[in-house]
Each structure stands twice: as C-alpha cells, then as structure tokens.
C-alpha cells in the first residue's frame, strides 16, 4: 500500500461515517477565516502558548500571545497574517481532498491535498486539545461529548504532569506521569531510566540529578514545579512501568488529584471511547511538511487531551497490551489513557507513531501485582452500598460550618476512590 492509500485509509478509519459532516465543517471554518478571526478550535492550534518577559513583567502561565510585530518571533516564522492565509489554503485543499475521497477519486489526489488531508485528521478527527490554567480548550464539533464531560476531564487532568529534570546534562524533562495515590506517580520504565539507575539492588538517582513533578499545562522552569520526586519505589520486571515517590500536593481547590485505575476489563472494549492526557513531543520519525510544521508547531511539549477509541487488546509474549488511536501526533509516553464513560484510567501510554495506532498497558491486568499493591496504588472498586454511605456522609458534612474548607478535599478523595466527581452539587 502506497503513501496515498495509507493516508486515505487512516482518514476513513478515524472519521468513519462522519466524512460528509467533517467536509461541511471544513467549509464553514474556511468561510470563518475570511471574517474577523478564526474559529476557536483552530485558533487554539494556530496560536502559541508562551511564557516570557514583556515590559519588565513575566506573563502568567497559559497566557495567549499573538505576535502583532516581528519582535519575539523566531527567525523565519510566519506572521499571523501569513499563518491565517496558510491555514485557509489548507482548509480549501482539505475540503477538495475530502470531496475526492467521498467520490472514490483517490488517484486524483494531489500531494498538496494529501498534506491537507493529514491536517483535517488532526484538526477534526483526533484533535489535541490544549489544557490551559486547568481548563480544557475549545472542543471541535466532532467531539461534543468532551464538552458534555468537561468537568470530569478537567478534574482528571489535574493529576497528570511532567517530570522535570534539574542538572541533567542532556534533558530538561523526562516524560509524562500521573498520580495514583497522594504520594505515588505512575510512569514508564524508559522515563525513569533517564535520571535513575539500578545500584546495590535498588533504583537510585544518577549523581547530581534531581527530579520534580510539574502538574501545570505549559513549559515551565524546573523551579516552578514545586513537588520534588523523592525516590524510585520500584520498576516492574516485565512491563514498561515504574512507580515514583513524590511530595504530596498542597490542599486547595485546584490541587493535583490522584486518579483511580479501572479494576477490571470494561465491557465492549473494542471501539470504546477514551482520551489520553499527556505532553506530546515531536516524533523524530515523522517527515513533517513545512506547512504543517508552521501551523501545528505549538501542539508539542504542553498538556493536551487527545480523544479516540480503543482498537483491541493483544498478547505479546507474556504481557498484555492494548491498542488505541488517541495519540495521532506522535510520542506521548507516560500519559494516562482514561475511559470517557467512567473517567477511570484504563491504560498507561507506551509508544505511538504519527497518524497510527498507539500502544498502552491495560492496567486492570496489574490489579493484584505485588509492586502496585505494596505502593498502595488505587483501583476503583465500590459497591452501590459504599456509594450510598458516602453520599450520606457528604450530606451531613455539607451542613457543617467548615464545609468550604473541606469541600475540595472531599472531592479529591471521591475522585481517588471512584474515578469521577461526586454526583450533584455536593
């Protein structure tokens, strides 16, 4: 199968029976670009999140800066007008490519239309939605279910962060990790190997290197991370998985929240909607067209929510693995794959390739694993009786004079135990 057929096949797989709907949205968004400003979900891709000193003051993390002058722009970087023009051309070519796909005229696709077709998949089929200041960015119309679940997704992303490295000779950060109890992080073995090594029968930090956990959305200096990683609790002998001991988060309304792991395989696994929370990085194996590099340059190294579907589970030698299609941008190692229905973590992201399926560890297979049990990793298991008892306690506490102070803590504990926010206005 040649490259043309592969791109068309991926487009059909990811967009499915929504091809005509997506074509209509592409045309609408192209028309919107002729107005005052681009549509919100495209603006989140075109513009960059920056933290830099301007006028003697430092921007708050997550500020949206649109360069209106050449100052501060990288050499050779297109100005906003050129970016808008390039995006408009891509949308026009994307609409033309979708029309040819619908008419079964694949052989007539030009190289420019193939590039545009890739952009359409990234913008509409499997978007990488920015998380800024704890809030989920604008959601494309093809994934309105994310808007319906916004509150739960924003709660989950609080427990996901990036491991920053101090005094490492080569790297500023190692990869994504997420909280599985108040002081334990789950990530991949390959991430830990960047700053730790086995010595004297246990894993220890490499000399001179320290690691910090940063739960914020964008690129931040190590000093802003705030939560020191104190030790390596263990590295799994079979799975690409490691546990780290981290300082507990401070109690506040927006404090990092431990995520609950799914205790058993969900029903209807194949085709089940999920989303990946991670910090995607540029895939060096990807031959990225210059136009995509210019417009999509900001999608890397910041926290993103990437929706998709579970494809299948399979066995490789003596380990269980799972395939999904969330991480279409490329590498997101260490991210958490979350079930869209229960908001419990179903998998630990291992590897991915641009516009191809990704591989994750289905975490329910490790429910009785000694390493996870010893670390006190939380699996979401609760009967209806447990839920009713907890709701009765919440009702009594809500009448207490101290309710405002304990409300955030209760929400965190509930999320940890059941993998979702408490129902109702608790």
Protein backbone atom coordinates (compact mmCIF):
# COMPACT_ATOMS: atom_id res chain seq x y z
CA UNK A 1 0.00 0.00 0.00
CA UNK A 2 1.50 3.36 -1.07
CA UNK A 3 1.51 6.55 1.00
CA UNK A 4 -1.57 7.94 -0.73
CA UNK A 5 -3.65 4.86 0.07
CA UNK A 6 -2.40 4.82 3.68
CA UNK A 7 -3.45 8.43 4.33
CA UNK A 8 -6.87 7.85 2.77
CA UNK A 9 -7.36 4.64 4.76
CA UNK A 10 -6.46 6.40 8.04
CA UNK A 11 -8.85 9.21 7.19
CA UNK A 12 -11.70 6.76 6.61
CA UNK A 13 -10.88 4.83 9.78
CA UNK A 14 -10.74 7.91 12.01
CA UNK A 15 -13.62 9.89 10.51
CA UNK A 16 -15.83 6.89 9.67
CA UNK A 17 -19.34 7.81 8.58
CA UNK A 18 -18.75 11.47 9.52
CA UNK A 19 -16.86 12.33 6.33
CA UNK A 20 -19.68 14.48 4.95
CA UNK A 21 -20.17 16.23 8.30
CA UNK A 22 -16.46 17.00 8.53
CA UNK A 23 -16.46 18.31 4.96
CA UNK A 24 -19.27 20.69 5.92
CA UNK A 25 -17.34 21.89 8.99
CA UNK A 26 -14.15 22.42 6.97
CA UNK A 27 -16.06 24.61 4.53
CA UNK A 28 -17.65 26.56 7.39
CA UNK A 29 -14.30 27.13 9.08
CA UNK A 30 -12.74 28.24 5.81
CA UNK A 31 -15.51 30.77 5.45
CA UNK A 32 -14.96 31.87 9.06
CA UNK A 33 -11.33 32.67 8.32
CA UNK A 34 -12.50 35.39 5.99
CA UNK A 35 -14.11 37.12 8.96
CA UNK A 36 -12.56 38.89 11.93
CA UNK A 37 -10.87 35.85 13.48
CA UNK A 38 -10.53 32.14 13.01
CA UNK A 39 -12.81 29.58 14.76
CA UNK A 40 -11.86 28.89 18.37
CA UNK A 41 -10.76 25.27 17.97
CA UNK A 42 -8.49 26.29 15.06
CA UNK A 43 -7.22 29.33 16.91
CA UNK A 44 -6.00 27.05 19.70
CA UNK A 45 -3.81 25.29 17.14
CA UNK A 46 -2.59 28.35 15.24
CA UNK A 47 -1.56 30.40 18.26
CA UNK A 48 1.22 29.56 20.68
CA UNK A 49 1.30 29.41 24.45
CA UNK A 50 4.34 31.37 25.67
CA UNK A 51 5.82 32.47 28.99
CA UNK A 52 8.26 35.31 28.51
CA UNK A 53 9.16 38.65 29.98
CA UNK A 54 7.36 41.56 28.37
CA UNK A 55 7.74 45.12 29.56
CA UNK A 56 9.59 44.12 32.72
CA UNK A 57 6.89 41.72 33.89
CA UNK A 58 6.52 37.98 33.42
CA UNK A 59 3.44 36.57 31.74
CA UNK A 60 1.30 34.18 33.70
CA UNK A 61 1.45 30.61 32.52
CA UNK A 62 -1.12 29.90 29.84
CA UNK A 63 -1.36 33.50 28.54
CA UNK A 64 -2.25 33.50 24.85
CA UNK A 65 0.21 35.72 22.99
CA UNK A 66 -0.42 36.60 19.37
CA UNK A 67 2.59 38.29 17.79
CA UNK A 68 1.49 41.53 16.18
CA UNK A 69 5.03 42.61 15.46
CA UNK A 70 8.26 40.96 14.45
CA UNK A 71 9.65 41.31 18.00
CA UNK A 72 9.70 37.95 19.77
CA UNK A 73 9.06 35.89 16.65
CA UNK A 74 11.54 33.21 15.68
CA UNK A 75 13.67 33.72 12.63
CA UNK A 76 11.74 32.62 9.56
CA UNK A 77 8.47 32.24 11.45
CA UNK A 78 5.38 33.38 9.58
CA UNK A 79 3.47 36.38 10.94
CA UNK A 80 -0.19 35.93 11.98
CA UNK A 81 -1.48 37.08 8.60
CA UNK A 82 0.65 34.56 6.78
CA UNK A 83 -0.43 31.83 9.20
CA UNK A 84 -4.09 32.64 8.58
CA UNK A 85 -3.51 32.60 4.84
CA UNK A 86 -1.71 29.26 5.01
CA UNK A 87 -4.45 27.80 7.22
CA UNK A 88 -7.10 28.99 4.79
CA UNK A 89 -5.28 27.34 1.89
CA UNK A 90 -5.01 24.11 3.88
CA UNK A 91 -8.73 24.11 4.62
CA UNK A 92 -9.55 24.71 0.95
CA UNK A 93 -7.28 21.84 -0.12
CA UNK A 94 -8.66 19.69 2.70
CA UNK A 95 -12.22 20.25 1.51
CA UNK A 96 -11.18 19.35 -2.02
CA UNK A 97 -9.44 16.20 -0.78
CA UNK A 98 -12.49 15.10 1.25
CA UNK A 99 -14.71 15.55 -1.80
CA UNK A 100 -12.43 13.27 -3.82
CA UNK A 101 -12.39 10.67 -1.04
CA UNK A 102 -16.20 10.72 -0.92
CA UNK A 103 -16.38 10.33 -4.71
CA UNK A 104 -13.86 7.47 -4.65
CA UNK A 105 -11.40 9.56 -6.70
CA UNK A 106 -8.37 8.74 -4.58
CA UNK A 107 -5.97 8.54 -7.53
CA UNK A 108 -6.72 12.17 -8.37
CA UNK A 109 -5.46 13.50 -5.02
CA UNK A 110 -2.53 15.89 -5.41
CA UNK A 111 0.44 16.00 -2.97
CA UNK A 112 -0.88 19.30 -1.54
CA UNK A 113 -4.30 17.75 -0.96
CA UNK A 114 -2.73 14.78 0.83
CA UNK A 115 -0.96 17.16 3.20
CA UNK A 116 -4.24 18.97 3.78
CA UNK A 117 -5.97 15.65 4.44
CA UNK A 118 -3.50 14.97 7.26
CA UNK A 119 -4.33 18.36 8.77
CA UNK A 120 -8.05 17.62 8.58
CA UNK A 121 -7.48 14.41 10.57
CA UNK A 122 -5.52 16.32 13.24
CA UNK A 123 -7.99 19.21 13.46
CA UNK A 124 -11.28 17.29 13.34
CA UNK A 125 -10.74 13.52 13.60
CA UNK A 126 -8.32 13.21 16.52
CA UNK A 127 -7.72 16.70 17.92
CA UNK A 128 -5.08 17.53 20.53
CA UNK A 129 -6.98 19.91 22.81
CA UNK A 130 -4.89 22.28 24.88
CA UNK A 131 -5.30 22.44 28.66
CA UNK A 132 -4.69 25.98 29.90
CA UNK A 133 -4.85 27.08 33.54
CA UNK A 134 -6.69 23.88 34.40
CA UNK A 135 -9.35 24.42 31.75
CA UNK A 136 -9.98 22.35 28.66
CA UNK A 137 -9.68 24.33 25.43
CA UNK A 138 -12.27 24.70 22.69
CA UNK A 139 -13.70 21.35 21.54
CA UNK A 140 -14.37 20.63 17.83
CA UNK A 141 -17.96 19.83 16.85
CA UNK A 142 -16.96 16.25 16.03
CA UNK A 143 -16.21 15.64 19.73
CA UNK A 144 -19.04 17.42 21.55
CA UNK A 145 -19.10 14.52 24.02
CA UNK A 146 -15.94 16.04 25.51
CA UNK A 147 -17.82 19.26 26.17
CA UNK A 148 -20.53 17.26 27.97
CA UNK A 149 -17.84 15.65 30.16
CA UNK A 150 -15.74 18.79 30.59
CA UNK A 151 -15.91 18.94 34.39
CA UNK A 152 -14.74 15.36 34.88
CA UNK A 153 -11.96 15.70 32.29
CA UNK A 154 -10.68 18.86 33.95
CA UNK A 155 -10.65 17.05 37.28
CA UNK A 156 -8.63 14.16 35.82
CA UNK A 157 -6.04 16.35 34.11
CA UNK A 158 -5.10 17.89 37.46
CA UNK A 159 -3.34 14.67 38.47
CA UNK A 160 -1.26 14.46 35.28
CA UNK A 161 2.07 16.23 34.98
CA UNK A 162 5.54 16.21 33.55
CA UNK A 163 8.76 15.06 35.21
CA UNK A 164 11.23 17.96 35.10
CA UNK A 165 14.94 17.31 35.50
CA UNK A 166 17.46 19.56 37.23
CA UNK A 167 21.18 19.39 36.35
CA UNK A 168 20.71 16.69 33.72
CA UNK A 169 23.40 17.03 31.02
CA UNK A 170 21.03 16.41 28.10
CA UNK A 171 17.35 16.78 29.07
CA UNK A 172 15.19 19.38 30.78
CA UNK A 173 12.37 16.90 31.35
CA UNK A 174 11.86 13.14 31.12
CA UNK A 175 8.22 12.44 30.28
CA UNK A 176 4.62 12.34 31.50
CA UNK A 177 3.48 10.79 34.80
CA UNK A 178 0.28 10.79 36.86
CA UNK A 179 -0.78 10.42 40.50
CA UNK A 180 -2.18 7.08 41.59
CA UNK A 181 -2.32 7.99 45.29
CA UNK A 182 -1.34 11.02 47.34
CA UNK A 183 2.43 10.41 47.05
CA UNK A 184 2.88 7.91 44.20
CA UNK A 185 3.41 8.57 40.50
CA UNK A 186 2.98 6.06 37.69
CA UNK A 187 5.14 6.39 34.57
CA UNK A 188 7.20 4.25 32.20
CA UNK A 189 10.48 2.48 32.88
CA UNK A 190 12.09 4.31 29.95
CA UNK A 191 11.26 7.64 31.54
CA UNK A 192 12.84 6.68 34.86
CA UNK A 193 15.97 5.35 33.14
CA UNK A 194 16.79 8.91 32.05
CA UNK A 195 17.55 10.01 35.62
CA UNK A 196 17.87 6.83 37.72
CA UNK A 197 19.76 3.54 37.56
CA UNK A 198 19.85 0.25 39.50
CA UNK A 199 22.58 0.20 42.15
CA UNK A 200 23.07 -2.17 45.08
CA UNK A 201 19.78 -3.94 44.41
CA UNK A 202 17.60 -0.81 44.19
CA UNK A 203 16.94 2.07 41.80
CA UNK A 204 18.70 5.31 42.74
CA UNK A 205 19.03 8.75 41.18
CA UNK A 206 22.05 9.36 38.99
CA UNK A 207 24.64 11.53 40.78
CA UNK A 208 23.89 15.25 40.67
CA UNK A 209 20.42 14.91 39.11
CA UNK A 210 17.13 15.74 40.83
CA UNK A 211 13.59 15.36 39.50
CA UNK A 212 10.44 17.41 40.11
CA UNK A 213 6.80 16.91 39.22
CA UNK A 214 5.12 19.75 37.32
CA UNK A 215 1.32 19.49 37.00
CA UNK A 216 0.94 22.72 35.05
CA UNK A 217 -0.12 22.94 31.44
CA UNK A 218 2.74 24.59 29.56
CA UNK A 219 6.50 24.84 29.50
CA UNK A 220 7.73 25.91 32.94
CA UNK A 221 11.10 26.28 34.60
CA UNK A 222 12.02 23.46 36.98
CA UNK A 223 11.83 25.82 39.96
CA UNK A 224 8.10 26.26 39.36
CA UNK A 225 7.33 22.55 39.52
CA UNK A 226 7.01 22.58 43.28
CA UNK A 227 6.78 18.83 44.02
CA UNK A 228 10.06 17.01 44.47
CA UNK A 229 10.33 13.37 43.42
CA UNK A 230 11.94 11.75 46.44
CA UNK A 231 12.67 8.20 45.32
CA UNK A 232 12.04 5.41 42.86
CA UNK A 233 9.65 3.00 44.57
CA UNK A 234 10.13 0.28 42.01
CA UNK A 235 10.42 -0.72 38.37
CA UNK A 236 8.36 -3.61 37.02
CA UNK A 237 10.31 -6.63 35.85
CA UNK A 238 8.05 -7.43 32.88
CA UNK A 239 6.07 -4.32 31.98
CA UNK A 240 7.46 -0.94 30.91
CA UNK A 241 6.21 0.61 34.14
CA UNK A 242 7.69 2.38 37.17
CA UNK A 243 6.46 3.95 40.42
CA UNK A 244 7.92 7.10 41.99
CA UNK A 245 7.57 8.65 45.44
CA UNK A 246 6.64 12.36 45.20
CA UNK A 247 5.85 15.08 47.69
CA UNK A 248 2.10 15.23 48.44
CA UNK A 249 0.18 18.03 46.71
CA UNK A 250 -1.00 21.02 48.69
CA UNK A 251 -4.67 21.02 49.61
CA UNK A 252 -6.58 23.57 47.52
CA UNK A 253 -9.50 23.79 45.10
CA UNK A 254 -7.19 23.16 42.14
CA UNK A 255 -4.80 20.71 43.81
CA UNK A 256 -3.48 17.72 41.81
CA UNK A 257 -5.87 14.83 42.32
CA UNK A 258 -4.97 11.11 42.35
CA UNK A 259 -6.56 9.14 39.54
CA UNK A 260 -8.41 5.87 40.09
CA UNK A 261 -7.40 2.88 37.96
CA UNK A 262 -10.02 0.63 36.39
CA UNK A 263 -10.13 -2.62 38.34
CA UNK A 264 -11.43 -4.90 35.59
CA UNK A 265 -11.73 -5.05 31.83
CA UNK A 266 -14.67 -2.88 30.71
CA UNK A 267 -17.46 -4.35 28.57
CA UNK A 268 -17.48 -3.58 24.84
CA UNK A 269 -13.75 -2.96 24.84
CA UNK A 270 -13.23 -2.60 21.08
CA UNK A 271 -14.43 0.83 19.91
CA UNK A 272 -14.80 2.16 23.46
CA UNK A 273 -14.29 5.99 23.66
CA UNK A 274 -11.26 7.06 25.67
CA UNK A 275 -8.99 10.08 25.93
CA UNK A 276 -5.27 10.45 26.51
CA UNK A 277 -3.83 13.13 28.82
CA UNK A 278 -0.16 13.76 28.19
CA UNK A 279 2.52 16.14 26.91
CA UNK A 280 3.00 15.14 23.24
CA UNK A 281 6.50 15.61 21.86
CA UNK A 282 7.65 15.87 18.27
CA UNK A 283 8.10 12.49 16.59
CA UNK A 284 11.57 12.50 15.01
CA UNK A 285 10.50 9.65 12.70
CA UNK A 286 7.88 11.87 11.11
CA UNK A 287 8.63 13.62 7.83
CA UNK A 288 6.62 16.72 8.62
CA UNK A 289 5.67 19.03 5.72
CA UNK A 290 6.79 22.63 6.21
CA UNK A 291 3.24 23.99 6.17
CA UNK A 292 2.11 21.65 8.96
CA UNK A 293 5.25 22.45 10.96
CA UNK A 294 4.43 26.17 10.78
CA UNK A 295 0.76 25.90 11.72
CA UNK A 296 0.87 22.98 14.18
CA UNK A 297 4.16 23.87 15.85
CA UNK A 298 2.54 24.62 19.22
CA UNK A 299 1.00 21.19 19.72
CA UNK A 300 4.16 19.82 21.31
CA UNK A 301 5.51 19.90 24.87
CA UNK A 302 2.31 21.17 26.51
CA UNK A 303 -0.50 19.32 28.24
CA UNK A 304 -3.14 18.03 25.82
CA UNK A 305 -6.30 15.94 25.87
CA UNK A 306 -6.46 13.66 22.81
CA UNK A 307 -9.71 11.68 22.30
CA UNK A 308 -10.05 8.43 20.38
CA UNK A 309 -11.14 4.80 20.54
CA UNK A 310 -9.72 1.55 21.88
CA UNK A 311 -8.91 -0.75 18.97
CA UNK A 312 -8.06 -4.09 20.60
CA UNK A 313 -6.15 -5.93 23.31
CA UNK A 314 -3.47 -8.42 22.38
CA UNK A 315 -0.77 -10.53 23.97
CA UNK A 316 2.94 -10.08 23.22
CA UNK A 317 4.99 -12.93 24.65
CA UNK A 318 3.97 -12.94 28.35
CA UNK A 319 2.48 -9.44 28.67
CA UNK A 320 -0.92 -7.94 27.83
CA UNK A 321 -1.06 -4.81 25.66
CA UNK A 322 -3.77 -2.57 24.22
CA UNK A 323 -4.02 -0.53 21.01
CA UNK A 324 -5.87 2.78 20.63
CA UNK A 325 -5.91 5.70 18.18
CA UNK A 326 -5.72 8.72 20.52
CA UNK A 327 -2.09 9.80 20.11
CA UNK A 328 -2.11 10.80 16.44
CA UNK A 329 0.58 13.46 16.93
CA UNK A 330 3.29 11.01 17.94
CA UNK A 331 5.12 10.29 21.19
CA UNK A 332 3.17 10.71 24.46
CA UNK A 333 4.97 8.17 26.63
CA UNK A 334 3.83 8.01 30.26
CA UNK A 335 0.41 9.55 29.64
CA UNK A 336 -2.79 8.12 31.11
CA UNK A 337 -5.50 6.64 28.93
CA UNK A 338 -8.86 7.44 30.56
CA UNK A 339 -12.25 5.87 29.92
CA UNK A 340 -14.71 8.53 28.74
CA UNK A 341 -17.67 6.88 30.48
CA UNK A 342 -16.26 6.30 33.98
CA UNK A 343 -13.19 8.61 33.88
CA UNK A 344 -11.09 5.83 35.34
CA UNK A 345 -7.61 5.16 33.97
CA UNK A 346 -7.62 2.15 31.67
CA UNK A 347 -4.05 2.28 30.41
CA UNK A 348 -0.51 3.62 30.66
CA UNK A 349 0.68 5.03 27.34
CA UNK A 350 3.84 3.38 26.00
CA UNK A 351 4.51 4.28 22.37
CA UNK A 352 2.92 5.74 19.27
CA UNK A 353 3.61 6.82 15.72
CA UNK A 354 2.24 9.79 13.83
CA UNK A 355 -1.27 9.06 12.46
CA UNK A 356 -1.06 5.40 13.51
CA UNK A 357 -2.36 3.33 16.41
CA UNK A 358 -0.68 3.59 19.81
CA UNK A 359 0.22 1.00 22.43
CA UNK A 360 -0.66 1.11 26.12
CA UNK A 361 -0.62 -1.21 29.12
CA UNK A 362 -4.16 -2.22 30.23
CA UNK A 363 -3.78 -1.51 33.93
CA UNK A 364 -6.54 -3.82 35.16
CA UNK A 365 -4.21 -6.78 34.44
CA UNK A 366 -1.94 -5.45 37.23
CA UNK A 367 -4.67 -5.19 39.84
CA UNK A 368 -3.05 -7.89 42.02
CA UNK A 369 0.54 -7.11 41.08
CA UNK A 370 2.83 -7.08 44.16
CA UNK A 371 4.65 -3.88 43.12
CA UNK A 372 1.44 -1.89 42.79
CA UNK A 373 -0.08 -3.39 45.94
CA UNK A 374 2.98 -2.54 48.02
CA UNK A 375 2.86 1.07 46.80
CA UNK A 376 -0.84 1.41 47.66
CA UNK A 377 -1.97 2.11 44.10
CA UNK A 378 -5.70 2.84 44.00
CA UNK A 379 -8.05 0.74 41.87
CA UNK A 380 -11.64 1.95 41.60
CA UNK A 381 -13.84 -0.60 43.32
CA UNK A 382 -17.02 0.39 45.11
CA UNK A 383 -20.39 -1.22 45.62
CA UNK A 384 -23.70 0.65 45.50
CA UNK A 385 -23.84 0.42 49.27
CA UNK A 386 -20.45 2.14 49.53
CA UNK A 387 -21.65 4.94 47.25
CA UNK A 388 -24.86 5.50 49.24
CA UNK A 389 -22.96 5.56 52.54
CA UNK A 390 -20.53 8.12 51.26
CA UNK A 391 -23.31 10.35 49.93
CA UNK A 392 -25.00 10.31 53.35
CA UNK A 393 -21.76 11.44 54.96
CA UNK A 394 -21.37 14.20 52.39
CA UNK A 395 -24.86 15.43 53.13
CA UNK A 396 -24.12 15.69 56.84
CA UNK A 397 -20.82 17.46 56.23
CA UNK A 398 -22.47 19.97 53.90
CA UNK A 399 -24.30 21.43 56.92
CA UNK A 400 -21.06 21.98 58.77
CA UNK A 401 -19.57 25.47 59.23
CA UNK A 402 -16.27 24.08 57.92
CA UNK A 403 -17.76 22.86 54.64
CA UNK A 404 -15.94 25.39 52.37
CA UNK A 405 -12.56 24.27 53.74
CA UNK A 406 -13.16 20.53 53.40
CA UNK A 407 -15.13 20.56 50.13
CA UNK A 408 -12.06 20.37 47.90
CA UNK A 409 -10.55 17.55 49.99
CA UNK A 410 -13.76 15.53 49.80
CA UNK A 411 -13.85 15.92 46.02
CA UNK A 412 -10.26 14.71 45.76
CA UNK A 413 -10.94 11.67 47.93
CA UNK A 414 -14.08 10.79 45.99
CA UNK A 415 -12.21 11.10 42.69
CA UNK A 416 -9.48 8.83 44.03
CA UNK A 417 -11.94 6.19 45.23
CA UNK A 418 -14.45 6.12 42.40
CA UNK A 419 -12.73 7.75 39.43
CA UNK A 420 -15.29 10.55 39.00
CA UNK A 421 -16.65 13.67 40.68
CA UNK A 422 -19.37 13.32 43.32
CA UNK A 423 -22.86 13.49 41.74
CA UNK A 424 -24.94 16.59 42.23
CA UNK A 425 -23.94 19.87 43.81
CA UNK A 426 -22.01 18.44 46.75
